[in-house]
Amino acid sequence: MKNGMAWVGDEVRDEDTYRTGIVTDVCGGTYLLRPPTGGGAEWIQVDPDRLTVTLPLDDDRLTEH
């Protein structure tokens, strides 16, 4: 999370699509999301207030082996 909002690497619930996803990019207020597992099509969300962080990316997850 960044400043209390979803950010790259966070797992989120998209309240508009009723899907869980991982934020892969944020550009100009547009959030690019992908499914958390199994592949599938990416989608965008333009309203960050419609994203609920379910699992924030933290530095510990980056270093786990």
PDB file of N, CA and C in Angstrom:
ATOM      1  N   MET A   1       0.842  -1.172   0.000  1.00  0.00           N
ATOM      2  CA  MET A   1       0.000   0.000   0.000  1.00  0.00           C
ATOM      3  C   MET A   1       0.886   1.234   0.000  1.00  0.00           C
ATOM      4  N   LYS A   2       0.370   2.261  -0.596  1.00  0.00           N
ATOM      5  CA  LYS A   2       1.083   3.530  -0.631  1.00  0.00           C
ATOM      6  C   LYS A   2       0.090   4.613  -0.235  1.00  0.00           C
ATOM      7  N   ASN A   3       0.395   5.308   0.834  1.00  0.00           N
ATOM      8  CA  ASN A   3      -0.494   6.365   1.334  1.00  0.00           C
ATOM      9  C   ASN A   3      -1.919   5.865   1.563  1.00  0.00           C
ATOM     10  N   GLY A   4      -2.034   4.612   2.021  1.00  0.00           N
ATOM     11  CA  GLY A   4      -3.335   4.042   2.321  1.00  0.00           C
ATOM     12  C   GLY A   4      -4.119   3.540   1.116  1.00  0.00           C
ATOM     13  N   MET A   5      -3.534   3.625  -0.064  1.00  0.00           N
ATOM     14  CA  MET A   5      -4.206   3.179  -1.293  1.00  0.00           C
ATOM     15  C   MET A   5      -3.507   1.940  -1.832  1.00  0.00           C
ATOM     16  N   ALA A   6      -4.228   1.170  -2.658  1.00  0.00           N
ATOM     17  CA  ALA A   6      -3.640   0.011  -3.320  1.00  0.00           C
ATOM     18  C   ALA A   6      -2.456   0.452  -4.167  1.00  0.00           C
ATOM     19  N   TRP A   7      -1.441  -0.429  -4.239  1.00  0.00           N
ATOM     20  CA  TRP A   7      -0.266  -0.115  -5.040  1.00  0.00           C
ATOM     21  C   TRP A   7       0.287  -1.393  -5.638  1.00  0.00           C
ATOM     22  N   VAL A   8       1.274  -1.247  -6.500  1.00  0.00           N
ATOM     23  CA  VAL A   8       1.853  -2.371  -7.228  1.00  0.00           C
ATOM     24  C   VAL A   8       2.280  -3.468  -6.252  1.00  0.00           C
ATOM     25  N   GLY A   9       1.829  -4.686  -6.538  1.00  0.00           N
ATOM     26  CA  GLY A   9       2.154  -5.845  -5.718  1.00  0.00           C
ATOM     27  C   GLY A   9       1.092  -6.214  -4.714  1.00  0.00           C
ATOM     28  N   ASP A  10       0.176  -5.303  -4.427  1.00  0.00           N
ATOM     29  CA  ASP A  10      -0.893  -5.589  -3.471  1.00  0.00           C
ATOM     30  C   ASP A  10      -1.940  -6.506  -4.097  1.00  0.00           C
ATOM     31  N   GLU A  11      -2.469  -7.423  -3.278  1.00  0.00           N
ATOM     32  CA  GLU A  11      -3.636  -8.197  -3.689  1.00  0.00           C
ATOM     33  C   GLU A  11      -4.858  -7.383  -3.292  1.00  0.00           C
ATOM     34  N   VAL A  12      -5.805  -7.257  -4.202  1.00  0.00           N
ATOM     35  CA  VAL A  12      -6.971  -6.406  -3.969  1.00  0.00           C
ATOM     36  C   VAL A  12      -8.259  -7.108  -4.383  1.00  0.00           C
ATOM     37  N   ARG A  13      -9.343  -6.603  -3.866  1.00  0.00           N
ATOM     38  CA  ARG A  13     -10.688  -6.999  -4.297  1.00  0.00           C
ATOM     39  C   ARG A  13     -11.238  -5.836  -5.096  1.00  0.00           C
ATOM     40  N   ASP A  14     -11.574  -6.084  -6.366  1.00  0.00           N
ATOM     41  CA  ASP A  14     -12.162  -5.067  -7.230  1.00  0.00           C
ATOM     42  C   ASP A  14     -13.669  -5.125  -7.044  1.00  0.00           C
ATOM     43  N   GLU A  15     -14.220  -4.115  -6.411  1.00  0.00           N
ATOM     44  CA  GLU A  15     -15.648  -4.106  -6.080  1.00  0.00           C
ATOM     45  C   GLU A  15     -16.544  -3.945  -7.306  1.00  0.00           C
ATOM     46  N   ASP A  16     -15.994  -3.498  -8.426  1.00  0.00           N
ATOM     47  CA  ASP A  16     -16.799  -3.366  -9.647  1.00  0.00           C
ATOM     48  C   ASP A  16     -16.916  -4.677 -10.404  1.00  0.00           C
ATOM     49  N   THR A  17     -15.851  -5.481 -10.391  1.00  0.00           N
ATOM     50  CA  THR A  17     -15.867  -6.744 -11.143  1.00  0.00           C
ATOM     51  C   THR A  17     -16.071  -7.954 -10.238  1.00  0.00           C
ATOM     52  N   TYR A  18     -16.071  -7.731  -8.920  1.00  0.00           N
ATOM     53  CA  TYR A  18     -16.192  -8.808  -7.928  1.00  0.00           C
ATOM     54  C   TYR A  18     -15.080  -9.838  -8.083  1.00  0.00           C
ATOM     55  N   ARG A  19     -13.879  -9.350  -8.451  1.00  0.00           N
ATOM     56  CA  ARG A  19     -12.737 -10.235  -8.654  1.00  0.00           C
ATOM     57  C   ARG A  19     -11.604  -9.832  -7.720  1.00  0.00           C
ATOM     58  N   THR A  20     -10.782 -10.825  -7.410  1.00  0.00           N
ATOM     59  CA  THR A  20      -9.544 -10.586  -6.680  1.00  0.00           C
ATOM     60  C   THR A  20      -8.426 -10.512  -7.697  1.00  0.00           C
ATOM     61  N   GLY A  21      -7.494  -9.585  -7.493  1.00  0.00           N
ATOM     62  CA  GLY A  21      -6.385  -9.438  -8.423  1.00  0.00           C
ATOM     63  C   GLY A  21      -5.152  -8.888  -7.750  1.00  0.00           C
ATOM     64  N   ILE A  22      -4.079  -8.868  -8.517  1.00  0.00           N
ATOM     65  CA  ILE A  22      -2.815  -8.287  -8.081  1.00  0.00           C
ATOM     66  C   ILE A  22      -2.594  -7.027  -8.910  1.00  0.00           C
ATOM     67  N   VAL A  23      -2.279  -5.922  -8.250  1.00  0.00           N
ATOM     68  CA  VAL A  23      -1.968  -4.682  -8.965  1.00  0.00           C
ATOM     69  C   VAL A  23      -0.587  -4.853  -9.604  1.00  0.00           C
ATOM     70  N   THR A  24      -0.522  -4.730 -10.931  1.00  0.00           N
ATOM     71  CA  THR A  24       0.758  -4.899 -11.621  1.00  0.00           C
ATOM     72  C   THR A  24       1.338  -3.581 -12.103  1.00  0.00           C
ATOM     73  N   ASP A  25       0.528  -2.541 -12.224  1.00  0.00           N
ATOM     74  CA  ASP A  25       1.022  -1.241 -12.672  1.00  0.00           C
ATOM     75  C   ASP A  25      -0.002  -0.175 -12.308  1.00  0.00           C
ATOM     76  N   VAL A  26       0.499   1.025 -12.058  1.00  0.00           N
ATOM     77  CA  VAL A  26      -0.358   2.187 -11.826  1.00  0.00           C
ATOM     78  C   VAL A  26       0.201   3.312 -12.676  1.00  0.00           C
ATOM     79  N   CYS A  27      -0.643   3.852 -13.567  1.00  0.00           N
ATOM     80  CA  CYS A  27      -0.176   4.905 -14.466  1.00  0.00           C
ATOM     81  C   CYS A  27      -1.297   5.923 -14.658  1.00  0.00           C
ATOM     82  N   GLY A  28      -1.050   7.147 -14.236  1.00  0.00           N
ATOM     83  CA  GLY A  28      -2.028   8.209 -14.427  1.00  0.00           C
ATOM     84  C   GLY A  28      -3.369   7.939 -13.786  1.00  0.00           C
ATOM     85  N   GLY A  29      -3.380   7.243 -12.657  1.00  0.00           N
ATOM     86  CA  GLY A  29      -4.631   6.948 -11.973  1.00  0.00           C
ATOM     87  C   GLY A  29      -5.336   5.705 -12.466  1.00  0.00           C
ATOM     88  N   THR A  30      -4.762   5.013 -13.446  1.00  0.00           N
ATOM     89  CA  THR A  30      -5.324   3.764 -13.943  1.00  0.00           C
ATOM     90  C   THR A  30      -4.539   2.599 -13.347  1.00  0.00           C
ATOM     91  N   TYR A  31      -5.262   1.660 -12.756  1.00  0.00           N
ATOM     92  CA  TYR A  31      -4.655   0.493 -12.124  1.00  0.00           C
ATOM     93  C   TYR A  31      -4.797  -0.702 -13.059  1.00  0.00           C
ATOM     94  N   LEU A  32      -3.690  -1.375 -13.353  1.00  0.00           N
ATOM     95  CA  LEU A  32      -3.696  -2.590 -14.151  1.00  0.00           C
ATOM     96  C   LEU A  32      -3.644  -3.765 -13.187  1.00  0.00           C
ATOM     97  N   LEU A  33      -4.589  -4.691 -13.345  1.00  0.00           N
ATOM     98  CA  LEU A  33      -4.679  -5.837 -12.452  1.00  0.00           C
ATOM     99  C   LEU A  33      -4.617  -7.132 -13.239  1.00  0.00           C
ATOM    100  N   ARG A  34      -4.158  -8.202 -12.558  1.00  0.00           N
ATOM    101  CA  ARG A  34      -4.140  -9.535 -13.141  1.00  0.00           C
ATOM    102  C   ARG A  34      -4.687 -10.505 -12.106  1.00  0.00           C
ATOM    103  N   PRO A  35      -5.162 -11.668 -12.548  1.00  0.00           N
ATOM    104  CA  PRO A  35      -5.614 -12.665 -11.579  1.00  0.00           C
ATOM    105  C   PRO A  35      -4.456 -13.085 -10.673  1.00  0.00           C
ATOM    106  N   PRO A  36      -4.732 -13.429  -9.422  1.00  0.00           N
ATOM    107  CA  PRO A  36      -3.651 -13.793  -8.506  1.00  0.00           C
ATOM    108  C   PRO A  36      -2.989 -15.130  -8.847  1.00  0.00           C
ATOM    109  N   THR A  37      -3.711 -16.040  -9.470  1.00  0.00           N
ATOM    110  CA  THR A  37      -3.158 -17.342  -9.849  1.00  0.00           C
ATOM    111  C   THR A  37      -3.799 -17.818 -11.142  1.00  0.00           C
ATOM    112  N   GLY A  38      -3.138 -18.717 -11.810  1.00  0.00           N
ATOM    113  CA  GLY A  38      -3.732 -19.395 -12.956  1.00  0.00           C
ATOM    114  C   GLY A  38      -3.777 -18.627 -14.256  1.00  0.00           C
ATOM    115  N   GLY A  39      -3.182 -17.465 -14.303  1.00  0.00           N
ATOM    116  CA  GLY A  39      -3.212 -16.696 -15.550  1.00  0.00           C
ATOM    117  C   GLY A  39      -4.581 -16.102 -15.811  1.00  0.00           C
ATOM    118  N   GLY A  40      -4.794 -15.688 -17.024  1.00  0.00           N
ATOM    119  CA  GLY A  40      -6.053 -15.057 -17.385  1.00  0.00           C
ATOM    120  C   GLY A  40      -5.832 -13.630 -17.822  1.00  0.00           C
ATOM    121  N   ALA A  41      -6.884 -13.044 -18.312  1.00  0.00           N
ATOM    122  CA  ALA A  41      -6.804 -11.692 -18.867  1.00  0.00           C
ATOM    123  C   ALA A  41      -6.594 -10.644 -17.776  1.00  0.00           C
ATOM    124  N   GLU A  42      -5.805  -9.622 -18.097  1.00  0.00           N
ATOM    125  CA  GLU A  42      -5.645  -8.468 -17.222  1.00  0.00           C
ATOM    126  C   GLU A  42      -6.856  -7.558 -17.405  1.00  0.00           C
ATOM    127  N   TRP A  43      -7.083  -6.682 -16.434  1.00  0.00           N
ATOM    128  CA  TRP A  43      -8.141  -5.686 -16.548  1.00  0.00           C
ATOM    129  C   TRP A  43      -7.699  -4.409 -15.863  1.00  0.00           C
ATOM    130  N   ILE A  44      -8.440  -3.341 -16.100  1.00  0.00           N
ATOM    131  CA  ILE A  44      -8.096  -2.053 -15.504  1.00  0.00           C
ATOM    132  C   ILE A  44      -9.200  -1.587 -14.562  1.00  0.00           C
ATOM    133  N   GLN A  45      -8.783  -0.744 -13.628  1.00  0.00           N
ATOM    134  CA  GLN A  45      -9.704  -0.075 -12.724  1.00  0.00           C
ATOM    135  C   GLN A  45      -9.247   1.384 -12.662  1.00  0.00           C
ATOM    136  N   VAL A  46     -10.170   2.297 -12.895  1.00  0.00           N
ATOM    137  CA  VAL A  46      -9.822   3.720 -12.899  1.00  0.00           C
ATOM    138  C   VAL A  46     -10.235   4.431 -11.614  1.00  0.00           C
ATOM    139  N   ASP A  47     -10.910   3.724 -10.714  1.00  0.00           N
ATOM    140  CA  ASP A  47     -11.354   4.318  -9.452  1.00  0.00           C
ATOM    141  C   ASP A  47     -10.705   3.566  -8.294  1.00  0.00           C
ATOM    142  N   PRO A  48      -9.612   4.087  -7.744  1.00  0.00           N
ATOM    143  CA  PRO A  48      -8.924   3.365  -6.676  1.00  0.00           C
ATOM    144  C   PRO A  48      -9.784   3.152  -5.434  1.00  0.00           C
ATOM    145  N   ASP A  49     -10.826   3.941  -5.257  1.00  0.00           N
ATOM    146  CA  ASP A  49     -11.714   3.744  -4.118  1.00  0.00           C
ATOM    147  C   ASP A  49     -12.521   2.455  -4.242  1.00  0.00           C
ATOM    148  N   ARG A  50     -12.545   1.854  -5.424  1.00  0.00           N
ATOM    149  CA  ARG A  50     -13.265   0.602  -5.652  1.00  0.00           C
ATOM    150  C   ARG A  50     -12.372  -0.618  -5.439  1.00  0.00           C
ATOM    151  N   LEU A  51     -11.100  -0.376  -5.054  1.00  0.00           N
ATOM    152  CA  LEU A  51     -10.160  -1.455  -4.762  1.00  0.00           C
ATOM    153  C   LEU A  51      -9.955  -1.553  -3.255  1.00  0.00           C
ATOM    154  N   THR A  52     -10.166  -2.732  -2.702  1.00  0.00           N
ATOM    155  CA  THR A  52      -9.935  -2.991  -1.292  1.00  0.00           C
ATOM    156  C   THR A  52      -8.717  -3.890  -1.174  1.00  0.00           C
ATOM    157  N   VAL A  53      -7.694  -3.429  -0.466  1.00  0.00           N
ATOM    158  CA  VAL A  53      -6.486  -4.231  -0.295  1.00  0.00           C
ATOM    159  C   VAL A  53      -6.805  -5.400   0.630  1.00  0.00           C
ATOM    160  N   THR A  54      -6.593  -6.626   0.133  1.00  0.00           N
ATOM    161  CA  THR A  54      -6.817  -7.827   0.931  1.00  0.00           C
ATOM    162  C   THR A  54      -5.513  -8.398   1.466  1.00  0.00           C
ATOM    163  N   LEU A  55      -4.404  -8.145   0.754  1.00  0.00           N
ATOM    164  CA  LEU A  55      -3.090  -8.592   1.194  1.00  0.00           C
ATOM    165  C   LEU A  55      -2.056  -7.614   0.654  1.00  0.00           C
ATOM    166  N   PRO A  56      -1.587  -6.715   1.502  1.00  0.00           N
ATOM    167  CA  PRO A  56      -0.609  -5.734   1.019  1.00  0.00           C
ATOM    168  C   PRO A  56       0.736  -6.391   0.764  1.00  0.00           C
ATOM    169  N   LEU A  57       1.430  -5.917  -0.246  1.00  0.00           N
ATOM    170  CA  LEU A  57       2.797  -6.355  -0.487  1.00  0.00           C
ATOM    171  C   LEU A  57       3.660  -5.757   0.610  1.00  0.00           C
ATOM    172  N   ASP A  58       4.492  -6.595   1.211  1.00  0.00           N
ATOM    173  CA  ASP A  58       5.433  -6.066   2.192  1.00  0.00           C
ATOM    174  C   ASP A  58       6.819  -6.607   1.879  1.00  0.00           C
ATOM    175  N   ASP A  59       7.818  -5.986   2.435  1.00  0.00           N
ATOM    176  CA  ASP A  59       9.190  -6.366   2.135  1.00  0.00           C
ATOM    177  C   ASP A  59       9.484  -7.804   2.527  1.00  0.00           C
ATOM    178  N   ASP A  60       8.835  -8.346   3.560  1.00  0.00           N
ATOM    179  CA  ASP A  60       9.076  -9.718   3.984  1.00  0.00           C
ATOM    180  C   ASP A  60       8.666 -10.721   2.909  1.00  0.00           C
ATOM    181  N   ARG A  61       7.573 -10.468   2.216  1.00  0.00           N
ATOM    182  CA  ARG A  61       7.153 -11.385   1.144  1.00  0.00           C
ATOM    183  C   ARG A  61       8.159 -11.407   0.016  1.00  0.00           C
ATOM    184  N   LEU A  62       8.840 -10.290  -0.226  1.00  0.00           N
ATOM    185  CA  LEU A  62       9.820 -10.233  -1.306  1.00  0.00           C
ATOM    186  C   LEU A  62      11.051 -11.055  -1.018  1.00  0.00           C
ATOM    187  N   THR A  63      11.369 -11.290   0.257  1.00  0.00           N
ATOM    188  CA  THR A  63      12.595 -12.001   0.607  1.00  0.00           C
ATOM    189  C   THR A  63      12.359 -13.430   1.037  1.00  0.00           C
ATOM    190  N   GLU A  64      11.115 -13.912   1.084  1.00  0.00           N
ATOM    191  CA  GLU A  64      10.846 -15.294   1.466  1.00  0.00           C
ATOM    192  C   GLU A  64      11.314 -16.232   0.372  1.00  0.00           C
ATOM    193  N   HIS A  65      11.807 -17.396   0.795  1.00  0.00           N
ATOM    194  CA  HIS A  65      12.268 -18.396  -0.180  1.00  0.00           C
ATOM    195  C   HIS A  65      11.543 -19.687   0.044  1.00  0.00           C
TER     196      HIS A  65
END
